[in-house]
mmCIF file of all heavy atoms, coordinates in Angstrom:
data_MODEL
# 
_entry.id   MODEL 
# 
loop_
_atom_site.group_PDB 
_atom_site.id 
_atom_site.type_symbol 
_atom_site.label_atom_id 
_atom_site.label_alt_id 
_atom_site.label_comp_id 
_atom_site.label_asym_id 
_atom_site.label_entity_id 
_atom_site.label_seq_id 
_atom_site.pdbx_PDB_ins_code 
_atom_site.Cartn_x 
_atom_site.Cartn_y 
_atom_site.Cartn_z 
_atom_site.occupancy 
_atom_site.B_iso_or_equiv 
_atom_site.pdbx_formal_charge 
_atom_site.auth_seq_id 
_atom_site.auth_comp_id 
_atom_site.auth_asym_id 
_atom_site.auth_atom_id 
_atom_site.pdbx_PDB_model_num 
ATOM 1   N N   . ALA A 1 1  ? 14.548 -16.897 -4.749  1.00 0.00 ? 1  ALA A N   1 
ATOM 2   C CA  . ALA A 1 1  ? 13.286 -17.560 -4.963  1.00 0.00 ? 1  ALA A CA  1 
ATOM 3   C C   . ALA A 1 1  ? 12.547 -17.840 -3.652  1.00 0.00 ? 1  ALA A C   1 
ATOM 4   O O   . ALA A 1 1  ? 11.330 -17.688 -3.537  1.00 0.00 ? 1  ALA A O   1 
ATOM 5   C CB  . ALA A 1 1  ? 13.489 -18.856 -5.760  1.00 0.00 ? 1  ALA A CB  1 
ATOM 6   N N   . VAL A 1 2  ? 13.366 -18.268 -2.643  1.00 0.00 ? 2  VAL A N   1 
ATOM 7   C CA  . VAL A 1 2  ? 12.769 -18.548 -1.326  1.00 0.00 ? 2  VAL A CA  1 
ATOM 8   C C   . VAL A 1 2  ? 12.200 -17.259 -0.720  1.00 0.00 ? 2  VAL A C   1 
ATOM 9   O O   . VAL A 1 2  ? 11.070 -17.190 -0.223  1.00 0.00 ? 2  VAL A O   1 
ATOM 10  C CB  . VAL A 1 2  ? 13.791 -19.205 -0.405  1.00 0.00 ? 2  VAL A CB  1 
ATOM 11  C CG1 . VAL A 1 2  ? 13.226 -19.360 1.001   1.00 0.00 ? 2  VAL A CG1 1 
ATOM 12  C CG2 . VAL A 1 2  ? 14.221 -20.552 -0.969  1.00 0.00 ? 2  VAL A CG2 1 
ATOM 13  N N   . LEU A 1 3  ? 13.032 -16.203 -0.732  1.00 0.00 ? 3  LEU A N   1 
ATOM 14  C CA  . LEU A 1 3  ? 12.581 -14.923 -0.163  1.00 0.00 ? 3  LEU A CA  1 
ATOM 15  C C   . LEU A 1 3  ? 11.376 -14.363 -0.937  1.00 0.00 ? 3  LEU A C   1 
ATOM 16  O O   . LEU A 1 3  ? 10.457 -13.780 -0.348  1.00 0.00 ? 3  LEU A O   1 
ATOM 17  C CB  . LEU A 1 3  ? 13.726 -13.925 -0.165  1.00 0.00 ? 3  LEU A CB  1 
ATOM 18  C CG  . LEU A 1 3  ? 14.882 -14.222 0.797   1.00 0.00 ? 3  LEU A CG  1 
ATOM 19  C CD1 . LEU A 1 3  ? 16.011 -13.206 0.634   1.00 0.00 ? 3  LEU A CD1 1 
ATOM 20  C CD2 . LEU A 1 3  ? 14.374 -14.242 2.226   1.00 0.00 ? 3  LEU A CD2 1 
ATOM 21  N N   . ALA A 1 4  ? 11.368 -14.529 -2.284  1.00 0.00 ? 4  ALA A N   1 
ATOM 22  C CA  . ALA A 1 4  ? 10.247 -14.039 -3.067  1.00 0.00 ? 4  ALA A CA  1 
ATOM 23  C C   . ALA A 1 4  ? 8.942  -14.762 -2.714  1.00 0.00 ? 4  ALA A C   1 
ATOM 24  O O   . ALA A 1 4  ? 7.882  -14.144 -2.629  1.00 0.00 ? 4  ALA A O   1 
ATOM 25  C CB  . ALA A 1 4  ? 10.540 -14.191 -4.557  1.00 0.00 ? 4  ALA A CB  1 
ATOM 26  N N   . ALA A 1 5  ? 9.047  -16.087 -2.437  1.00 0.00 ? 5  ALA A N   1 
ATOM 27  C CA  . ALA A 1 5  ? 7.873  -16.841 -2.079  1.00 0.00 ? 5  ALA A CA  1 
ATOM 28  C C   . ALA A 1 5  ? 7.323  -16.384 -0.709  1.00 0.00 ? 5  ALA A C   1 
ATOM 29  O O   . ALA A 1 5  ? 6.121  -16.239 -0.503  1.00 0.00 ? 5  ALA A O   1 
ATOM 30  C CB  . ALA A 1 5  ? 8.204  -18.331 -2.056  1.00 0.00 ? 5  ALA A CB  1 
ATOM 31  N N   . ILE A 1 6  ? 8.273  -16.137 0.260   1.00 0.00 ? 6  ILE A N   1 
ATOM 32  C CA  . ILE A 1 6  ? 7.865  -15.657 1.569   1.00 0.00 ? 6  ILE A CA  1 
ATOM 33  C C   . ILE A 1 6  ? 7.216  -14.280 1.459   1.00 0.00 ? 6  ILE A C   1 
ATOM 34  O O   . ILE A 1 6  ? 6.169  -13.984 2.051   1.00 0.00 ? 6  ILE A O   1 
ATOM 35  C CB  . ILE A 1 6  ? 9.049  -15.660 2.545   1.00 0.00 ? 6  ILE A CB  1 
ATOM 36  C CG1 . ILE A 1 6  ? 9.580  -17.086 2.744   1.00 0.00 ? 6  ILE A CG1 1 
ATOM 37  C CG2 . ILE A 1 6  ? 8.675  -15.036 3.858   1.00 0.00 ? 6  ILE A CG2 1 
ATOM 38  C CD1 . ILE A 1 6  ? 10.846 -17.138 3.590   1.00 0.00 ? 6  ILE A CD1 1 
ATOM 39  N N   . TYR A 1 7  ? 7.867  -13.413 0.676   1.00 0.00 ? 7  TYR A N   1 
ATOM 40  C CA  . TYR A 1 7  ? 7.362  -12.072 0.507   1.00 0.00 ? 7  TYR A CA  1 
ATOM 41  C C   . TYR A 1 7  ? 5.993  -12.096 -0.133  1.00 0.00 ? 7  TYR A C   1 
ATOM 42  O O   . TYR A 1 7  ? 5.028  -11.378 0.297   1.00 0.00 ? 7  TYR A O   1 
ATOM 43  C CB  . TYR A 1 7  ? 8.380  -11.272 -0.333  1.00 0.00 ? 7  TYR A CB  1 
ATOM 44  C CG  . TYR A 1 7  ? 8.038  -9.818  -0.571  1.00 0.00 ? 7  TYR A CG  1 
ATOM 45  C CD1 . TYR A 1 7  ? 7.157  -9.143  0.265   1.00 0.00 ? 7  TYR A CD1 1 
ATOM 46  C CD2 . TYR A 1 7  ? 8.593  -9.152  -1.668  1.00 0.00 ? 7  TYR A CD2 1 
ATOM 47  C CE1 . TYR A 1 7  ? 6.870  -7.785  0.027   1.00 0.00 ? 7  TYR A CE1 1 
ATOM 48  C CE2 . TYR A 1 7  ? 8.319  -7.825  -1.887  1.00 0.00 ? 7  TYR A CE2 1 
ATOM 49  C CZ  . TYR A 1 7  ? 7.428  -7.134  -1.040  1.00 0.00 ? 7  TYR A CZ  1 
ATOM 50  O OH  . TYR A 1 7  ? 7.136  -5.811  -1.263  1.00 0.00 ? 7  TYR A OH  1 
ATOM 51  N N   . ALA A 1 8  ? 5.792  -12.902 -1.159  1.00 0.00 ? 8  ALA A N   1 
ATOM 52  C CA  . ALA A 1 8  ? 4.492  -12.977 -1.832  1.00 0.00 ? 8  ALA A CA  1 
ATOM 53  C C   . ALA A 1 8  ? 3.387  -13.463 -0.908  1.00 0.00 ? 8  ALA A C   1 
ATOM 54  O O   . ALA A 1 8  ? 2.258  -12.963 -0.917  1.00 0.00 ? 8  ALA A O   1 
ATOM 55  C CB  . ALA A 1 8  ? 4.606  -13.871 -3.074  1.00 0.00 ? 8  ALA A CB  1 
ATOM 56  N N   . GLU A 1 9  ? 3.752  -14.460 -0.080  1.00 0.00 ? 9  GLU A N   1 
ATOM 57  C CA  . GLU A 1 9  ? 2.746  -14.979 0.872   1.00 0.00 ? 9  GLU A CA  1 
ATOM 58  C C   . GLU A 1 9  ? 2.339  -13.920 1.864   1.00 0.00 ? 9  GLU A C   1 
ATOM 59  O O   . GLU A 1 9  ? 1.157  -13.766 2.210   1.00 0.00 ? 9  GLU A O   1 
ATOM 60  C CB  . GLU A 1 9  ? 3.314  -16.209 1.555   1.00 0.00 ? 9  GLU A CB  1 
ATOM 61  C CG  . GLU A 1 9  ? 2.357  -16.899 2.491   1.00 0.00 ? 9  GLU A CG  1 
ATOM 62  C CD  . GLU A 1 9  ? 1.122  -17.428 1.770   1.00 0.00 ? 9  GLU A CD  1 
ATOM 63  O OE1 . GLU A 1 9  ? 1.202  -17.733 0.523   1.00 0.00 ? 9  GLU A OE1 1 
ATOM 64  O OE2 . GLU A 1 9  ? 0.057  -17.552 2.424   1.00 0.00 ? 9  GLU A OE2 1 
ATOM 65  N N   . ASP A 1 10 ? 3.340  -13.140 2.362   1.00 0.00 ? 10 ASP A N   1 
ATOM 66  C CA  . ASP A 1 10 ? 3.015  -12.073 3.323   1.00 0.00 ? 10 ASP A CA  1 
ATOM 67  C C   . ASP A 1 10 ? 2.142  -10.995 2.640   1.00 0.00 ? 10 ASP A C   1 
ATOM 68  O O   . ASP A 1 10 ? 1.272  -10.406 3.301   1.00 0.00 ? 10 ASP A O   1 
ATOM 69  C CB  . ASP A 1 10 ? 4.287  -11.441 3.867   1.00 0.00 ? 10 ASP A CB  1 
ATOM 70  C CG  . ASP A 1 10 ? 4.991  -12.353 4.864   1.00 0.00 ? 10 ASP A CG  1 
ATOM 71  O OD1 . ASP A 1 10 ? 4.406  -13.406 5.216   1.00 0.00 ? 10 ASP A OD1 1 
ATOM 72  O OD2 . ASP A 1 10 ? 6.137  -12.050 5.262   1.00 0.00 ? 10 ASP A OD2 1 
ATOM 73  N N   . VAL A 1 11 ? 2.401  -10.691 1.396   1.00 0.00 ? 11 VAL A N   1 
ATOM 74  C CA  . VAL A 1 11 ? 1.547  -9.711  0.685   1.00 0.00 ? 11 VAL A CA  1 
ATOM 75  C C   . VAL A 1 11 ? 0.120  -10.207 0.594   1.00 0.00 ? 11 VAL A C   1 
ATOM 76  O O   . VAL A 1 11 ? -0.843 -9.442  0.785   1.00 0.00 ? 11 VAL A O   1 
ATOM 77  C CB  . VAL A 1 11 ? 2.145  -9.401  -0.717  1.00 0.00 ? 11 VAL A CB  1 
ATOM 78  C CG1 . VAL A 1 11 ? 1.191  -8.578  -1.550  1.00 0.00 ? 11 VAL A CG1 1 
ATOM 79  C CG2 . VAL A 1 11 ? 3.482  -8.685  -0.583  1.00 0.00 ? 11 VAL A CG2 1 
ATOM 80  N N   . ARG A 1 12 ? -0.066 -11.454 0.269   1.00 0.00 ? 12 ARG A N   1 
ATOM 81  C CA  . ARG A 1 12 ? -1.414 -12.020 0.171   1.00 0.00 ? 12 ARG A CA  1 
ATOM 82  C C   . ARG A 1 12 ? -2.134 -11.938 1.507   1.00 0.00 ? 12 ARG A C   1 
ATOM 83  O O   . ARG A 1 12 ? -3.321 -11.568 1.578   1.00 0.00 ? 12 ARG A O   1 
ATOM 84  C CB  . ARG A 1 12 ? -1.340 -13.457 -0.320  1.00 0.00 ? 12 ARG A CB  1 
ATOM 85  C CG  . ARG A 1 12 ? -0.853 -13.618 -1.761  1.00 0.00 ? 12 ARG A CG  1 
ATOM 86  C CD  . ARG A 1 12 ? -1.018 -15.040 -2.240  1.00 0.00 ? 12 ARG A CD  1 
ATOM 87  N NE  . ARG A 1 12 ? -0.379 -15.253 -3.511  1.00 0.00 ? 12 ARG A NE  1 
ATOM 88  C CZ  . ARG A 1 12 ? 0.841  -15.771 -3.659  1.00 0.00 ? 12 ARG A CZ  1 
ATOM 89  N NH1 . ARG A 1 12 ? 1.559  -16.110 -2.586  1.00 0.00 ? 12 ARG A NH1 1 
ATOM 90  N NH2 . ARG A 1 12 ? 1.362  -15.887 -4.869  1.00 0.00 ? 12 ARG A NH2 1 
ATOM 91  N N   . GLN A 1 13 ? -1.382 -12.350 2.568   1.00 0.00 ? 13 GLN A N   1 
ATOM 92  C CA  . GLN A 1 13 ? -1.987 -12.341 3.892   1.00 0.00 ? 13 GLN A CA  1 
ATOM 93  C C   . GLN A 1 13 ? -2.308 -10.912 4.351   1.00 0.00 ? 13 GLN A C   1 
ATOM 94  O O   . GLN A 1 13 ? -3.276 -10.697 5.106   1.00 0.00 ? 13 GLN A O   1 
ATOM 95  C CB  . GLN A 1 13 ? -1.090 -13.025 4.901   1.00 0.00 ? 13 GLN A CB  1 
ATOM 96  C CG  . GLN A 1 13 ? -0.952 -14.522 4.664   1.00 0.00 ? 13 GLN A CG  1 
ATOM 97  C CD  . GLN A 1 13 ? -0.052 -15.187 5.711   1.00 0.00 ? 13 GLN A CD  1 
ATOM 98  O OE1 . GLN A 1 13 ? 0.490  -14.516 6.605   1.00 0.00 ? 13 GLN A OE1 1 
ATOM 99  N NE2 . GLN A 1 13 ? 0.120  -16.499 5.595   1.00 0.00 ? 13 GLN A NE2 1 
ATOM 100 N N   . ALA A 1 14 ? -1.542 -9.956  3.893   1.00 0.00 ? 14 ALA A N   1 
ATOM 101 C CA  . ALA A 1 14 ? -1.798 -8.557  4.289   1.00 0.00 ? 14 ALA A CA  1 
ATOM 102 C C   . ALA A 1 14 ? -3.013 -7.992  3.569   1.00 0.00 ? 14 ALA A C   1 
ATOM 103 O O   . ALA A 1 14 ? -3.522 -6.928  3.960   1.00 0.00 ? 14 ALA A O   1 
ATOM 104 C CB  . ALA A 1 14 ? -0.565 -7.708  4.008   1.00 0.00 ? 14 ALA A CB  1 
ATOM 105 N N   . GLY A 1 15 ? -3.469 -8.631  2.526   1.00 0.00 ? 15 GLY A N   1 
ATOM 106 C CA  . GLY A 1 15 ? -4.659 -8.183  1.833   1.00 0.00 ? 15 GLY A CA  1 
ATOM 107 C C   . GLY A 1 15 ? -4.460 -6.858  1.119   1.00 0.00 ? 15 GLY A C   1 
ATOM 108 O O   . GLY A 1 15 ? -5.384 -6.040  1.074   1.00 0.00 ? 15 GLY A O   1 
ATOM 109 N N   . ILE A 1 16 ? -3.282 -6.630  0.591   1.00 0.00 ? 16 ILE A N   1 
ATOM 110 C CA  . ILE A 1 16 ? -3.011 -5.390  -0.104  1.00 0.00 ? 16 ILE A CA  1 
ATOM 111 C C   . ILE A 1 16 ? -3.769 -5.354  -1.401  1.00 0.00 ? 16 ILE A C   1 
ATOM 112 O O   . ILE A 1 16 ? -3.816 -6.344  -2.150  1.00 0.00 ? 16 ILE A O   1 
ATOM 113 C CB  . ILE A 1 16 ? -1.486 -5.232  -0.341  1.00 0.00 ? 16 ILE A CB  1 
ATOM 114 C CG1 . ILE A 1 16 ? -0.737 -5.206  1.005   1.00 0.00 ? 16 ILE A CG1 1 
ATOM 115 C CG2 . ILE A 1 16 ? -1.200 -3.976  -1.156  1.00 0.00 ? 16 ILE A CG2 1 
ATOM 116 C CD1 . ILE A 1 16 ? 0.760  -5.161  0.878   1.00 0.00 ? 16 ILE A CD1 1 
ATOM 117 N N   . ALA A 1 17 ? -4.347 -4.228  -1.700  1.00 0.00 ? 17 ALA A N   1 
ATOM 118 C CA  . ALA A 1 17 ? -5.149 -4.098  -2.905  1.00 0.00 ? 17 ALA A CA  1 
ATOM 119 C C   . ALA A 1 17 ? -4.291 -4.234  -4.152  1.00 0.00 ? 17 ALA A C   1 
ATOM 120 O O   . ALA A 1 17 ? -3.167 -3.713  -4.234  1.00 0.00 ? 17 ALA A O   1 
ATOM 121 C CB  . ALA A 1 17 ? -5.834 -2.746  -2.916  1.00 0.00 ? 17 ALA A CB  1 
ATOM 122 N N   . PRO A 1 18 ? -4.748 -4.961  -5.186  1.00 0.00 ? 18 PRO A N   1 
ATOM 123 C CA  . PRO A 1 18 ? -3.979 -5.157  -6.435  1.00 0.00 ? 18 PRO A CA  1 
ATOM 124 C C   . PRO A 1 18 ? -3.629 -3.871  -7.122  1.00 0.00 ? 18 PRO A C   1 
ATOM 125 O O   . PRO A 1 18 ? -2.668 -3.815  -7.909  1.00 0.00 ? 18 PRO A O   1 
ATOM 126 C CB  . PRO A 1 18 ? -4.915 -6.017  -7.283  1.00 0.00 ? 18 PRO A CB  1 
ATOM 127 C CG  . PRO A 1 18 ? -5.819 -6.700  -6.309  1.00 0.00 ? 18 PRO A CG  1 
ATOM 128 C CD  . PRO A 1 18 ? -6.014 -5.740  -5.199  1.00 0.00 ? 18 PRO A CD  1 
ATOM 129 N N   . GLU A 1 19 ? -4.405 -2.778  -6.854  1.00 0.00 ? 19 GLU A N   1 
ATOM 130 C CA  . GLU A 1 19 ? -4.086 -1.536  -7.509  1.00 0.00 ? 19 GLU A CA  1 
ATOM 131 C C   . GLU A 1 19 ? -2.730 -0.996  -7.129  1.00 0.00 ? 19 GLU A C   1 
ATOM 132 O O   . GLU A 1 19 ? -2.126 -0.178  -7.848  1.00 0.00 ? 19 GLU A O   1 
ATOM 133 C CB  . GLU A 1 19 ? -5.145 -0.485  -7.169  1.00 0.00 ? 19 GLU A CB  1 
ATOM 134 C CG  . GLU A 1 19 ? -6.520 -0.772  -7.723  1.00 0.00 ? 19 GLU A CG  1 
ATOM 135 C CD  . GLU A 1 19 ? -7.304 -1.805  -6.895  1.00 0.00 ? 19 GLU A CD  1 
ATOM 136 O OE1 . GLU A 1 19 ? -6.797 -2.085  -5.768  1.00 0.00 ? 19 GLU A OE1 1 
ATOM 137 O OE2 . GLU A 1 19 ? -8.312 -2.345  -7.365  1.00 0.00 ? 19 GLU A OE2 1 
ATOM 138 N N   . LYS A 1 20 ? -2.230 -1.433  -5.943  1.00 0.00 ? 20 LYS A N   1 
ATOM 139 C CA  . LYS A 1 20 ? -0.906 -0.969  -5.480  1.00 0.00 ? 20 LYS A CA  1 
ATOM 140 C C   . LYS A 1 20 ? 0.257  -1.772  -6.092  1.00 0.00 ? 20 LYS A C   1 
ATOM 141 O O   . LYS A 1 20 ? 1.404  -1.395  -5.934  1.00 0.00 ? 20 LYS A O   1 
ATOM 142 C CB  . LYS A 1 20 ? -0.830 -1.031  -3.981  1.00 0.00 ? 20 LYS A CB  1 
ATOM 143 C CG  . LYS A 1 20 ? -1.814 -0.102  -3.242  1.00 0.00 ? 20 LYS A CG  1 
ATOM 144 C CD  . LYS A 1 20 ? -1.598 -0.151  -1.763  1.00 0.00 ? 20 LYS A CD  1 
ATOM 145 C CE  . LYS A 1 20 ? -2.540 0.833   -1.047  1.00 0.00 ? 20 LYS A CE  1 
ATOM 146 N NZ  . LYS A 1 20 ? -2.275 0.866   0.434   1.00 0.00 ? 20 LYS A NZ  1 
ATOM 147 N N   . PHE A 1 21 ? -0.111 -2.852  -6.806  1.00 0.00 ? 21 PHE A N   1 
ATOM 148 C CA  . PHE A 1 21 ? 0.952  -3.638  -7.438  1.00 0.00 ? 21 PHE A CA  1 
ATOM 149 C C   . PHE A 1 21 ? 1.482  -2.942  -8.668  1.00 0.00 ? 21 PHE A C   1 
ATOM 150 O O   . PHE A 1 21 ? 0.925  -1.954  -9.130  1.00 0.00 ? 21 PHE A O   1 
ATOM 151 C CB  . PHE A 1 21 ? 0.423  -5.040  -7.790  1.00 0.00 ? 21 PHE A CB  1 
ATOM 152 C CG  . PHE A 1 21 ? -0.004 -5.866  -6.623  1.00 0.00 ? 21 PHE A CG  1 
ATOM 153 C CD1 . PHE A 1 21 ? -0.835 -6.954  -6.772  1.00 0.00 ? 21 PHE A CD1 1 
ATOM 154 C CD2 . PHE A 1 21 ? 0.438  -5.555  -5.319  1.00 0.00 ? 21 PHE A CD2 1 
ATOM 155 C CE1 . PHE A 1 21 ? -1.227 -7.725  -5.690  1.00 0.00 ? 21 PHE A CE1 1 
ATOM 156 C CE2 . PHE A 1 21 ? 0.060  -6.308  -4.224  1.00 0.00 ? 21 PHE A CE2 1 
ATOM 157 C CZ  . PHE A 1 21 ? -0.806 -7.404  -4.433  1.00 0.00 ? 21 PHE A CZ  1 
ATOM 158 N N   . GLY A 1 22 ? 2.513  -3.466  -9.193  1.00 0.00 ? 22 GLY A N   1 
ATOM 159 C CA  . GLY A 1 22 ? 3.151  -2.916  -10.372 1.00 0.00 ? 22 GLY A CA  1 
ATOM 160 C C   . GLY A 1 22 ? 2.557  -3.457  -11.656 1.00 0.00 ? 22 GLY A C   1 
ATOM 161 O O   . GLY A 1 22 ? 1.406  -3.893  -11.696 1.00 0.00 ? 22 GLY A O   1 
ATOM 162 N N   . VAL A 1 23 ? 3.390  -3.512  -12.684 1.00 0.00 ? 23 VAL A N   1 
ATOM 163 C CA  . VAL A 1 23 ? 2.947  -3.920  -14.031 1.00 0.00 ? 23 VAL A CA  1 
ATOM 164 C C   . VAL A 1 23 ? 2.660  -5.408  -14.065 1.00 0.00 ? 23 VAL A C   1 
ATOM 165 O O   . VAL A 1 23 ? 3.168  -6.187  -13.249 1.00 0.00 ? 23 VAL A O   1 
ATOM 166 C CB  . VAL A 1 23 ? 4.022  -3.567  -15.078 1.00 0.00 ? 23 VAL A CB  1 
ATOM 167 C CG1 . VAL A 1 23 ? 4.276  -2.085  -15.100 1.00 0.00 ? 23 VAL A CG1 1 
ATOM 168 C CG2 . VAL A 1 23 ? 5.314  -4.345  -14.777 1.00 0.00 ? 23 VAL A CG2 1 
ATOM 169 N N   . PRO A 1 24 ? 1.825  -5.838  -14.993 1.00 0.00 ? 24 PRO A N   1 
ATOM 170 C CA  . PRO A 1 24 ? 1.594  -7.308  -15.143 1.00 0.00 ? 24 PRO A CA  1 
ATOM 171 C C   . PRO A 1 24 ? 2.876  -8.004  -15.600 1.00 0.00 ? 24 PRO A C   1 
ATOM 172 O O   . PRO A 1 24 ? 3.728  -7.419  -16.296 1.00 0.00 ? 24 PRO A O   1 
ATOM 173 C CB  . PRO A 1 24 ? 0.469  -7.368  -16.203 1.00 0.00 ? 24 PRO A CB  1 
ATOM 174 C CG  . PRO A 1 24 ? -0.120 -6.007  -16.232 1.00 0.00 ? 24 PRO A CG  1 
ATOM 175 C CD  . PRO A 1 24 ? 0.948  -5.049  -15.879 1.00 0.00 ? 24 PRO A CD  1 
# 
């Protein structure tokens, strides 16, 4: 859970387009 939160925050800061994400 801790690593997922850090990873998610880095993804947001990287500004990756939502189209590259997976399924809802």
